[in-house]
Amino acid sequence: VGTSVALVALAALIAYRQRLHLTRELLIAAARAGVQLVAVG
C-alpha cells in the first residue's frame, strides 16, 4: 500500500512540475478514496 502511495505522490509531482493545476485535486482524491474504502470495507 505504501508503494502505491508513493506512485500517487509521483503523479502529483509530475502534475505540479507540469503546472497542470491538478496537484491538490489529485492528492485530495487519493486521500478521499483511501478513507472511503476503509470505511466501506
All heavy atoms as atom14 arrays in JSON, in Angstrom:
{
  "sequence": "VGTSVALVALAALIAYRQRLHLTRELLIAAARAGVQLVAVG",
  "atom14_mask": [
    [1, 1, 1, 1, 1, 1, 1, 0, 0, 0, 0, 0, 0, 0],
    [1, 1, 1, 1, 0, 0, 0, 0, 0, 0, 0, 0, 0, 0],
    [1, 1, 1, 1, 1, 1, 1, 0, 0, 0, 0, 0, 0, 0],
    [1, 1, 1, 1, 1, 1, 0, 0, 0, 0, 0, 0, 0, 0],
    [1, 1, 1, 1, 1, 1, 1, 0, 0, 0, 0, 0, 0, 0],
    [1, 1, 1, 1, 1, 0, 0, 0, 0, 0, 0, 0, 0, 0],
    [1, 1, 1, 1, 1, 1, 1, 1, 0, 0, 0, 0, 0, 0],
    [1, 1, 1, 1, 1, 1, 1, 0, 0, 0, 0, 0, 0, 0],
    [1, 1, 1, 1, 1, 0, 0, 0, 0, 0, 0, 0, 0, 0],
    [1, 1, 1, 1, 1, 1, 1, 1, 0, 0, 0, 0, 0, 0],
    [1, 1, 1, 1, 1, 0, 0, 0, 0, 0, 0, 0, 0, 0],
    [1, 1, 1, 1, 1, 0, 0, 0, 0, 0, 0, 0, 0, 0],
    [1, 1, 1, 1, 1, 1, 1, 1, 0, 0, 0, 0, 0, 0],
    [1, 1, 1, 1, 1, 1, 1, 1, 0, 0, 0, 0, 0, 0],
    [1, 1, 1, 1, 1, 0, 0, 0, 0, 0, 0, 0, 0, 0],
    [1, 1, 1, 1, 1, 1, 1, 1, 1, 1, 1, 1, 0, 0],
    [1, 1, 1, 1, 1, 1, 1, 1, 1, 1, 1, 0, 0, 0],
    [1, 1, 1, 1, 1, 1, 1, 1, 1, 0, 0, 0, 0, 0],
    [1, 1, 1, 1, 1, 1, 1, 1, 1, 1, 1, 0, 0, 0],
    [1, 1, 1, 1, 1, 1, 1, 1, 0, 0, 0, 0, 0, 0],
    [1, 1, 1, 1, 1, 1, 1, 1, 1, 1, 0, 0, 0, 0],
    [1, 1, 1, 1, 1, 1, 1, 1, 0, 0, 0, 0, 0, 0],
    [1, 1, 1, 1, 1, 1, 1, 0, 0, 0, 0, 0, 0, 0],
    [1, 1, 1, 1, 1, 1, 1, 1, 1, 1, 1, 0, 0, 0],
    [1, 1, 1, 1, 1, 1, 1, 1, 1, 0, 0, 0, 0, 0],
    [1, 1, 1, 1, 1, 1, 1, 1, 0, 0, 0, 0, 0, 0],
    [1, 1, 1, 1, 1, 1, 1, 1, 0, 0, 0, 0, 0, 0],
    [1, 1, 1, 1, 1, 1, 1, 1, 0, 0, 0, 0, 0, 0],
    [1, 1, 1, 1, 1, 0, 0, 0, 0, 0, 0, 0, 0, 0],
    [1, 1, 1, 1, 1, 0, 0, 0, 0, 0, 0, 0, 0, 0],
    [1, 1, 1, 1, 1, 0, 0, 0, 0, 0, 0, 0, 0, 0],
    [1, 1, 1, 1, 1, 1, 1, 1, 1, 1, 1, 0, 0, 0],
    [1, 1, 1, 1, 1, 0, 0, 0, 0, 0, 0, 0, 0, 0],
    [1, 1, 1, 1, 0, 0, 0, 0, 0, 0, 0, 0, 0, 0],
    [1, 1, 1, 1, 1, 1, 1, 0, 0, 0, 0, 0, 0, 0],
    [1, 1, 1, 1, 1, 1, 1, 1, 1, 0, 0, 0, 0, 0],
    [1, 1, 1, 1, 1, 1, 1, 1, 0, 0, 0, 0, 0, 0],
    [1, 1, 1, 1, 1, 1, 1, 0, 0, 0, 0, 0, 0, 0],
    [1, 1, 1, 1, 1, 0, 0, 0, 0, 0, 0, 0, 0, 0],
    [1, 1, 1, 1, 1, 1, 1, 0, 0, 0, 0, 0, 0, 0],
    [1, 1, 1, 1, 0, 0, 0, 0, 0, 0, 0, 0, 0, 0]
  ],
  "atom14_positions": [
    [[0.84, -1.2, 0.0], [0.0, 0.0, 0.0], [0.88, 1.25, 0.0], [0.59, 2.23, -0.71], [-0.94, 0.0, 1.23], [-1.7, 1.32, 1.31], [-1.9, -1.17, 1.17], [0.0, 0.0, 0.0], [0.0, 0.0, 0.0], [0.0, 0.0, 0.0], [0.0, 0.0, 0.0], [0.0, 0.0, 0.0], [0.0, 0.0, 0.0], [0.0, 0.0, 0.0]],
    [[1.96, 1.2, 0.78], [2.89, 2.33, 0.8], [3.51, 2.59, -0.56], [3.7, 3.74, -0.96], [0.0, 0.0, 0.0], [0.0, 0.0, 0.0], [0.0, 0.0, 0.0], [0.0, 0.0, 0.0], [0.0, 0.0, 0.0], [0.0, 0.0, 0.0], [0.0, 0.0, 0.0], [0.0, 0.0, 0.0], [0.0, 0.0, 0.0], [0.0, 0.0, 0.0]],
    [[3.8, 1.52, -1.29], [4.36, 1.67, -2.64], [3.36, 2.37, -3.55], [3.73, 3.25, -4.34], [4.72, 0.29, -3.21], [5.67, -0.35, -2.36], [5.29, 0.42, -4.61], [0.0, 0.0, 0.0], [0.0, 0.0, 0.0], [0.0, 0.0, 0.0], [0.0, 0.0, 0.0], [0.0, 0.0, 0.0], [0.0, 0.0, 0.0], [0.0, 0.0, 0.0]],
    [[2.09, 1.99, -3.45], [1.07, 2.63, -4.28], [0.91, 4.1, -3.92], [0.68, 4.95, -4.79], [-0.26, 1.89, -4.15], [-0.79, 2.02, -2.84], [0.0, 0.0, 0.0], [0.0, 0.0, 0.0], [0.0, 0.0, 0.0], [0.0, 0.0, 0.0], [0.0, 0.0, 0.0], [0.0, 0.0, 0.0], [0.0, 0.0, 0.0], [0.0, 0.0, 0.0]],
    [[1.06, 4.44, -2.62], [1.0, 5.84, -2.2], [2.17, 6.61, -2.81], [2.0, 7.76, -3.26], [1.05, 5.94, -0.66], [1.22, 7.4, -0.22], [-0.21, 5.35, -0.05], [0.0, 0.0, 0.0], [0.0, 0.0, 0.0], [0.0, 0.0, 0.0], [0.0, 0.0, 0.0], [0.0, 0.0, 0.0], [0.0, 0.0, 0.0], [0.0, 0.0, 0.0]],
    [[3.34, 5.99, -2.87], [4.49, 6.64, -3.48], [4.25, 6.91, -4.97], [4.67, 7.95, -5.5], [5.74, 5.77, -3.3], [0.0, 0.0, 0.0], [0.0, 0.0, 0.0], [0.0, 0.0, 0.0], [0.0, 0.0, 0.0], [0.0, 0.0, 0.0], [0.0, 0.0, 0.0], [0.0, 0.0, 0.0], [0.0, 0.0, 0.0], [0.0, 0.0, 0.0]],
    [[3.55, 6.01, -5.63], [3.23, 6.22, -7.04], [2.27, 7.39, -7.24], [2.39, 8.16, -8.18], [2.63, 4.94, -7.64], [3.59, 3.74, -7.74], [2.85, 2.51, -8.21], [4.73, 4.07, -8.7], [0.0, 0.0, 0.0], [0.0, 0.0, 0.0], [0.0, 0.0, 0.0], [0.0, 0.0, 0.0], [0.0, 0.0, 0.0], [0.0, 0.0, 0.0]],
    [[1.32, 7.52, -6.3], [0.41, 8.67, -6.35], [1.2, 9.96, -6.13], [0.96, 10.98, -6.81], [-0.71, 8.54, -5.3], [-1.52, 9.82, -5.19], [-1.61, 7.37, -5.63], [0.0, 0.0, 0.0], [0.0, 0.0, 0.0], [0.0, 0.0, 0.0], [0.0, 0.0, 0.0], [0.0, 0.0, 0.0], [0.0, 0.0, 0.0], [0.0, 0.0, 0.0]],
    [[2.15, 9.92, -5.2], [2.99, 11.1, -4.95], [3.79, 11.46, -6.19], [3.96, 12.66, -6.51], [3.92, 10.83, -3.77], [0.0, 0.0, 0.0], [0.0, 0.0, 0.0], [0.0, 0.0, 0.0], [0.0, 0.0, 0.0], [0.0, 0.0, 0.0], [0.0, 0.0, 0.0], [0.0, 0.0, 0.0], [0.0, 0.0, 0.0], [0.0, 0.0, 0.0]],
    [[4.25, 10.46, -6.92], [4.98, 10.71, -8.17], [4.07, 11.39, -9.19], [4.48, 12.34, -9.86], [5.51, 9.39, -8.72], [6.22, 9.46, -10.09], [7.44, 10.38, -10.01], [6.61, 8.06, -10.56], [0.0, 0.0, 0.0], [0.0, 0.0, 0.0], [0.0, 0.0, 0.0], [0.0, 0.0, 0.0], [0.0, 0.0, 0.0], [0.0, 0.0, 0.0]],
    [[2.83, 10.89, -9.29], [1.88, 11.51, -10.22], [1.6, 12.95, -9.83], [1.5, 13.84, -10.69], [0.58, 10.7, -10.24], [0.0, 0.0, 0.0], [0.0, 0.0, 0.0], [0.0, 0.0, 0.0], [0.0, 0.0, 0.0], [0.0, 0.0, 0.0], [0.0, 0.0, 0.0], [0.0, 0.0, 0.0], [0.0, 0.0, 0.0], [0.0, 0.0, 0.0]],
    [[1.48, 13.2, -8.52], [1.23, 14.56, -8.05], [2.43, 15.46, -8.35], [2.26, 16.64, -8.73], [0.95, 14.55, -6.55], [0.0, 0.0, 0.0], [0.0, 0.0, 0.0], [0.0, 0.0, 0.0], [0.0, 0.0, 0.0], [0.0, 0.0, 0.0], [0.0, 0.0, 0.0], [0.0, 0.0, 0.0], [0.0, 0.0, 0.0], [0.0, 0.0, 0.0]],
    [[3.64, 14.92, -8.2], [4.84, 15.7, -8.5], [4.9, 16.08, -9.98], [5.24, 17.21, -10.34], [6.08, 14.91, -8.1], [7.44, 15.56, -8.41], [7.57, 16.88, -7.64], [8.58, 14.62, -8.07], [0.0, 0.0, 0.0], [0.0, 0.0, 0.0], [0.0, 0.0, 0.0], [0.0, 0.0, 0.0], [0.0, 0.0, 0.0], [0.0, 0.0, 0.0]],
    [[4.55, 15.12, -10.83], [4.53, 15.39, -12.28], [3.5, 16.48, -12.6], [3.78, 17.4, -13.37], [4.22, 14.11, -13.06], [5.38, 13.11, -12.92], [3.95, 14.41, -14.53], [5.09, 11.75, -13.51], [0.0, 0.0, 0.0], [0.0, 0.0, 0.0], [0.0, 0.0, 0.0], [0.0, 0.0, 0.0], [0.0, 0.0, 0.0], [0.0, 0.0, 0.0]],
    [[2.32, 16.37, -11.99], [1.28, 17.37, -12.21], [1.75, 18.75, -11.75], [1.46, 19.77, -12.4], [0.0, 16.97, -11.48], [0.0, 0.0, 0.0], [0.0, 0.0, 0.0], [0.0, 0.0, 0.0], [0.0, 0.0, 0.0], [0.0, 0.0, 0.0], [0.0, 0.0, 0.0], [0.0, 0.0, 0.0], [0.0, 0.0, 0.0], [0.0, 0.0, 0.0]],
    [[2.49, 18.8, -10.63], [2.99, 20.07, -10.11], [4.06, 20.66, -11.02], [4.03, 21.85, -11.36], [3.54, 19.86, -8.7], [4.18, 21.09, -8.11], [3.39, 22.14, -7.63], [5.56, 21.21, -8.06], [3.98, 23.28, -7.09], [6.17, 22.34, -7.53], [5.37, 23.37, -7.05], [5.95, 24.49, -6.53], [0.0, 0.0, 0.0], [0.0, 0.0, 0.0]],
    [[5.0, 19.82, -11.45], [6.1, 20.3, -12.29], [5.6, 20.76, -13.65], [6.17, 21.69, -14.24], [7.14, 19.19, -12.45], [7.88, 18.81, -11.17], [8.77, 19.95, -10.69], [9.81, 20.28, -11.64], [11.01, 19.68, -11.69], [11.3, 18.74, -10.79], [11.9, 20.03, -12.57], [0.0, 0.0, 0.0], [0.0, 0.0, 0.0], [0.0, 0.0, 0.0]],
    [[4.55, 20.12, -14.13], [4.0, 20.49, -15.44], [2.96, 21.61, -15.34], [2.37, 22.0, -16.35], [3.36, 19.26, -16.1], [4.34, 18.16, -16.45], [5.37, 18.6, -17.47], [5.03, 19.27, -18.45], [6.63, 18.23, -17.25], [0.0, 0.0, 0.0], [0.0, 0.0, 0.0], [0.0, 0.0, 0.0], [0.0, 0.0, 0.0], [0.0, 0.0, 0.0]],
    [[2.73, 22.1, -14.12], [1.8, 23.2, -13.88], [0.4, 22.89, -14.45], [-0.21, 23.71, -15.14], [2.34, 24.5, -14.48], [3.66, 24.92, -13.88], [4.15, 26.22, -14.48], [5.44, 26.61, -13.89], [6.11, 27.71, -14.27], [5.6, 28.51, -15.19], [7.27, 27.99, -13.69], [0.0, 0.0, 0.0], [0.0, 0.0, 0.0], [0.0, 0.0, 0.0]],
    [[-0.08, 21.71, -14.12], [-1.4, 21.28, -14.59], [-2.52, 21.79, -13.7], [-3.69, 21.64, -14.05], [-1.46, 19.76, -14.67], [-0.42, 19.08, -15.57], [-0.61, 17.56, -15.54], [-0.52, 19.6, -16.99], [0.0, 0.0, 0.0], [0.0, 0.0, 0.0], [0.0, 0.0, 0.0], [0.0, 0.0, 0.0], [0.0, 0.0, 0.0], [0.0, 0.0, 0.0]],
    [[-2.16, 22.35, -12.53], [-3.14, 22.84, -11.56], [-4.09, 21.72, -11.12], [-5.29, 21.95, -10.91], [-3.94, 24.01, -12.14], [-3.08, 25.15, -12.62], [-2.37, 25.95, -11.75], [-2.8, 25.58, -13.88], [-1.69, 26.86, -12.46], [-1.93, 26.66, -13.74], [0.0, 0.0, 0.0], [0.0, 0.0, 0.0], [0.0, 0.0, 0.0], [0.0, 0.0, 0.0]],
    [[-3.54, 20.53, -11.01], [-4.33, 19.38, -10.58], [-3.73, 18.69, -9.36], [-4.27, 17.69, -8.89], [-4.44, 18.35, -11.72], [-5.31, 18.73, -12.92], [-5.18, 17.66, -14.0], [-6.77, 18.87, -12.49], [0.0, 0.0, 0.0], [0.0, 0.0, 0.0], [0.0, 0.0, 0.0], [0.0, 0.0, 0.0], [0.0, 0.0, 0.0], [0.0, 0.0, 0.0]],
    [[-2.62, 19.2, -8.87], [-1.92, 18.52, -7.78], [-2.79, 18.4, -6.54], [-2.93, 17.3, -5.96], [-0.63, 19.29, -7.42], [0.16, 19.46, -8.61], [0.17, 18.53, -6.37], [0.0, 0.0, 0.0], [0.0, 0.0, 0.0], [0.0, 0.0, 0.0], [0.0, 0.0, 0.0], [0.0, 0.0, 0.0], [0.0, 0.0, 0.0], [0.0, 0.0, 0.0]],
    [[-3.39, 19.49, -6.12], [-4.22, 19.47, -4.92], [-5.42, 18.54, -5.11], [-5.75, 17.74, -4.23], [-4.69, 20.89, -4.58], [-5.54, 20.99, -3.32], [-5.79, 22.46, -2.99], [-6.62, 22.59, -1.8], [-7.95, 22.61, -1.82], [-8.59, 22.5, -2.98], [-8.65, 22.73, -0.69], [0.0, 0.0, 0.0], [0.0, 0.0, 0.0], [0.0, 0.0, 0.0]],
    [[-6.06, 18.64, -6.27], [-7.23, 17.8, -6.54], [-6.84, 16.32, -6.57], [-7.58, 15.46, -6.07], [-7.86, 18.2, -7.87], [-9.17, 17.5, -8.18], [-9.82, 18.03, -9.44], [-9.35, 19.06, -9.96], [-10.79, 17.4, -9.89], [0.0, 0.0, 0.0], [0.0, 0.0, 0.0], [0.0, 0.0, 0.0], [0.0, 0.0, 0.0], [0.0, 0.0, 0.0]],
    [[-5.67, 16.02, -7.14], [-5.2, 14.63, -7.21], [-4.95, 14.07, -5.81], [-5.36, 12.95, -5.5], [-3.93, 14.58, -8.05], [-3.42, 13.2, -8.52], [-2.6, 13.39, -9.79], [-2.58, 12.52, -7.46], [0.0, 0.0, 0.0], [0.0, 0.0, 0.0], [0.0, 0.0, 0.0], [0.0, 0.0, 0.0], [0.0, 0.0, 0.0], [0.0, 0.0, 0.0]],
    [[-4.29, 14.85, -4.95], [-3.98, 14.38, -3.6], [-5.26, 14.22, -2.77], [-5.4, 13.25, -2.01], [-3.03, 15.35, -2.92], [-1.61, 15.41, -3.52], [-0.79, 16.51, -2.84], [-0.91, 14.06, -3.39], [0.0, 0.0, 0.0], [0.0, 0.0, 0.0], [0.0, 0.0, 0.0], [0.0, 0.0, 0.0], [0.0, 0.0, 0.0], [0.0, 0.0, 0.0]],
    [[-6.18, 15.17, -2.92], [-7.45, 15.07, -2.18], [-8.23, 13.85, -2.64], [-8.8, 13.11, -1.81], [-8.28, 16.35, -2.38], [-7.61, 17.52, -1.65], [-9.71, 16.15, -1.86], [-8.29, 18.86, -1.88], [0.0, 0.0, 0.0], [0.0, 0.0, 0.0], [0.0, 0.0, 0.0], [0.0, 0.0, 0.0], [0.0, 0.0, 0.0], [0.0, 0.0, 0.0]],
    [[-8.25, 13.61, -3.95], [-8.97, 12.45, -4.48], [-8.38, 11.15, -3.94], [-9.11, 10.23, -3.56], [-8.93, 12.46, -6.0], [0.0, 0.0, 0.0], [0.0, 0.0, 0.0], [0.0, 0.0, 0.0], [0.0, 0.0, 0.0], [0.0, 0.0, 0.0], [0.0, 0.0, 0.0], [0.0, 0.0, 0.0], [0.0, 0.0, 0.0], [0.0, 0.0, 0.0]],
    [[-7.04, 11.07, -3.9], [-6.38, 9.85, -3.41], [-6.68, 9.64, -1.93], [-6.99, 8.52, -1.5], [-4.88, 9.94, -3.65], [0.0, 0.0, 0.0], [0.0, 0.0, 0.0], [0.0, 0.0, 0.0], [0.0, 0.0, 0.0], [0.0, 0.0, 0.0], [0.0, 0.0, 0.0], [0.0, 0.0, 0.0], [0.0, 0.0, 0.0], [0.0, 0.0, 0.0]],
    [[-6.58, 10.73, -1.13], [-6.85, 10.61, 0.31], [-8.31, 10.25, 0.55], [-8.63, 9.4, 1.4], [-6.5, 11.92, 1.0], [0.0, 0.0, 0.0], [0.0, 0.0, 0.0], [0.0, 0.0, 0.0], [0.0, 0.0, 0.0], [0.0, 0.0, 0.0], [0.0, 0.0, 0.0], [0.0, 0.0, 0.0], [0.0, 0.0, 0.0], [0.0, 0.0, 0.0]],
    [[-9.2, 10.88, -0.19], [-10.63, 10.6, -0.02], [-10.95, 9.15, -0.39], [-11.72, 8.48, 0.32], [-11.43, 11.55, -0.9], [-12.92, 11.34, -0.86], [-13.65, 12.39, -1.67], [-15.07, 12.09, -1.77], [-15.97, 12.85, -2.37], [-15.57, 13.99, -2.93], [-17.23, 12.51, -2.41], [0.0, 0.0, 0.0], [0.0, 0.0, 0.0], [0.0, 0.0, 0.0]],
    [[-10.33, 8.67, -1.47], [-10.57, 7.29, -1.88], [-10.12, 6.31, -0.81], [-10.8, 5.33, -0.5], [-9.86, 7.0, -3.2], [0.0, 0.0, 0.0], [0.0, 0.0, 0.0], [0.0, 0.0, 0.0], [0.0, 0.0, 0.0], [0.0, 0.0, 0.0], [0.0, 0.0, 0.0], [0.0, 0.0, 0.0], [0.0, 0.0, 0.0], [0.0, 0.0, 0.0]],
    [[-8.94, 6.58, -0.21], [-8.44, 5.68, 0.82], [-9.35, 5.64, 2.03], [-9.68, 4.56, 2.55], [0.0, 0.0, 0.0], [0.0, 0.0, 0.0], [0.0, 0.0, 0.0], [0.0, 0.0, 0.0], [0.0, 0.0, 0.0], [0.0, 0.0, 0.0], [0.0, 0.0, 0.0], [0.0, 0.0, 0.0], [0.0, 0.0, 0.0], [0.0, 0.0, 0.0]],
    [[-9.79, 6.82, 2.49], [-10.68, 6.88, 3.65], [-12.01, 6.19, 3.35], [-12.54, 5.43, 4.16], [-10.91, 8.34, 4.08], [-11.98, 8.44, 5.16], [-9.6, 8.95, 4.58], [0.0, 0.0, 0.0], [0.0, 0.0, 0.0], [0.0, 0.0, 0.0], [0.0, 0.0, 0.0], [0.0, 0.0, 0.0], [0.0, 0.0, 0.0], [0.0, 0.0, 0.0]],
    [[-12.55, 6.48, 2.17], [-13.83, 5.89, 1.79], [-13.74, 4.37, 1.72], [-14.65, 3.66, 2.19], [-14.3, 6.44, 0.44], [-14.77, 7.88, 0.49], [-15.14, 8.44, -0.86], [-15.63, 9.57, -0.96], [-14.89, 7.69, -1.91], [0.0, 0.0, 0.0], [0.0, 0.0, 0.0], [0.0, 0.0, 0.0], [0.0, 0.0, 0.0], [0.0, 0.0, 0.0]],
    [[-12.68, 3.86, 1.15], [-12.54, 2.41, 1.0], [-12.41, 1.72, 2.36], [-12.97, 0.65, 2.57], [-11.35, 2.08, 0.1], [-11.55, 2.37, -1.38], [-10.24, 2.18, -2.15], [-12.63, 1.45, -1.97], [0.0, 0.0, 0.0], [0.0, 0.0, 0.0], [0.0, 0.0, 0.0], [0.0, 0.0, 0.0], [0.0, 0.0, 0.0], [0.0, 0.0, 0.0]],
    [[-11.65, 2.32, 3.26], [-11.5, 1.74, 4.59], [-12.85, 1.73, 5.31], [-13.25, 0.73, 5.93], [-10.46, 2.52, 5.42], [-10.48, 2.06, 6.87], [-9.07, 2.32, 4.83], [0.0, 0.0, 0.0], [0.0, 0.0, 0.0], [0.0, 0.0, 0.0], [0.0, 0.0, 0.0], [0.0, 0.0, 0.0], [0.0, 0.0, 0.0], [0.0, 0.0, 0.0]],
    [[-13.58, 2.85, 5.22], [-14.89, 2.94, 5.87], [-15.88, 1.96, 5.27], [-16.6, 1.25, 5.99], [-15.44, 4.37, 5.76], [0.0, 0.0, 0.0], [0.0, 0.0, 0.0], [0.0, 0.0, 0.0], [0.0, 0.0, 0.0], [0.0, 0.0, 0.0], [0.0, 0.0, 0.0], [0.0, 0.0, 0.0], [0.0, 0.0, 0.0], [0.0, 0.0, 0.0]],
    [[-15.9, 1.89, 3.94], [-16.82, 0.97, 3.27], [-16.46, -0.48, 3.58], [-17.33, -1.33, 3.77], [-16.81, 1.22, 1.75], [-17.54, 0.1, 1.01], [-17.45, 2.55, 1.44], [0.0, 0.0, 0.0], [0.0, 0.0, 0.0], [0.0, 0.0, 0.0], [0.0, 0.0, 0.0], [0.0, 0.0, 0.0], [0.0, 0.0, 0.0], [0.0, 0.0, 0.0]],
    [[-15.15, -0.76, 3.65], [-14.72, -2.12, 3.98], [-15.24, -2.54, 5.35], [-15.68, -3.69, 5.53], [0.0, 0.0, 0.0], [0.0, 0.0, 0.0], [0.0, 0.0, 0.0], [0.0, 0.0, 0.0], [0.0, 0.0, 0.0], [0.0, 0.0, 0.0], [0.0, 0.0, 0.0], [0.0, 0.0, 0.0], [0.0, 0.0, 0.0], [0.0, 0.0, 0.0]]
  ]
}
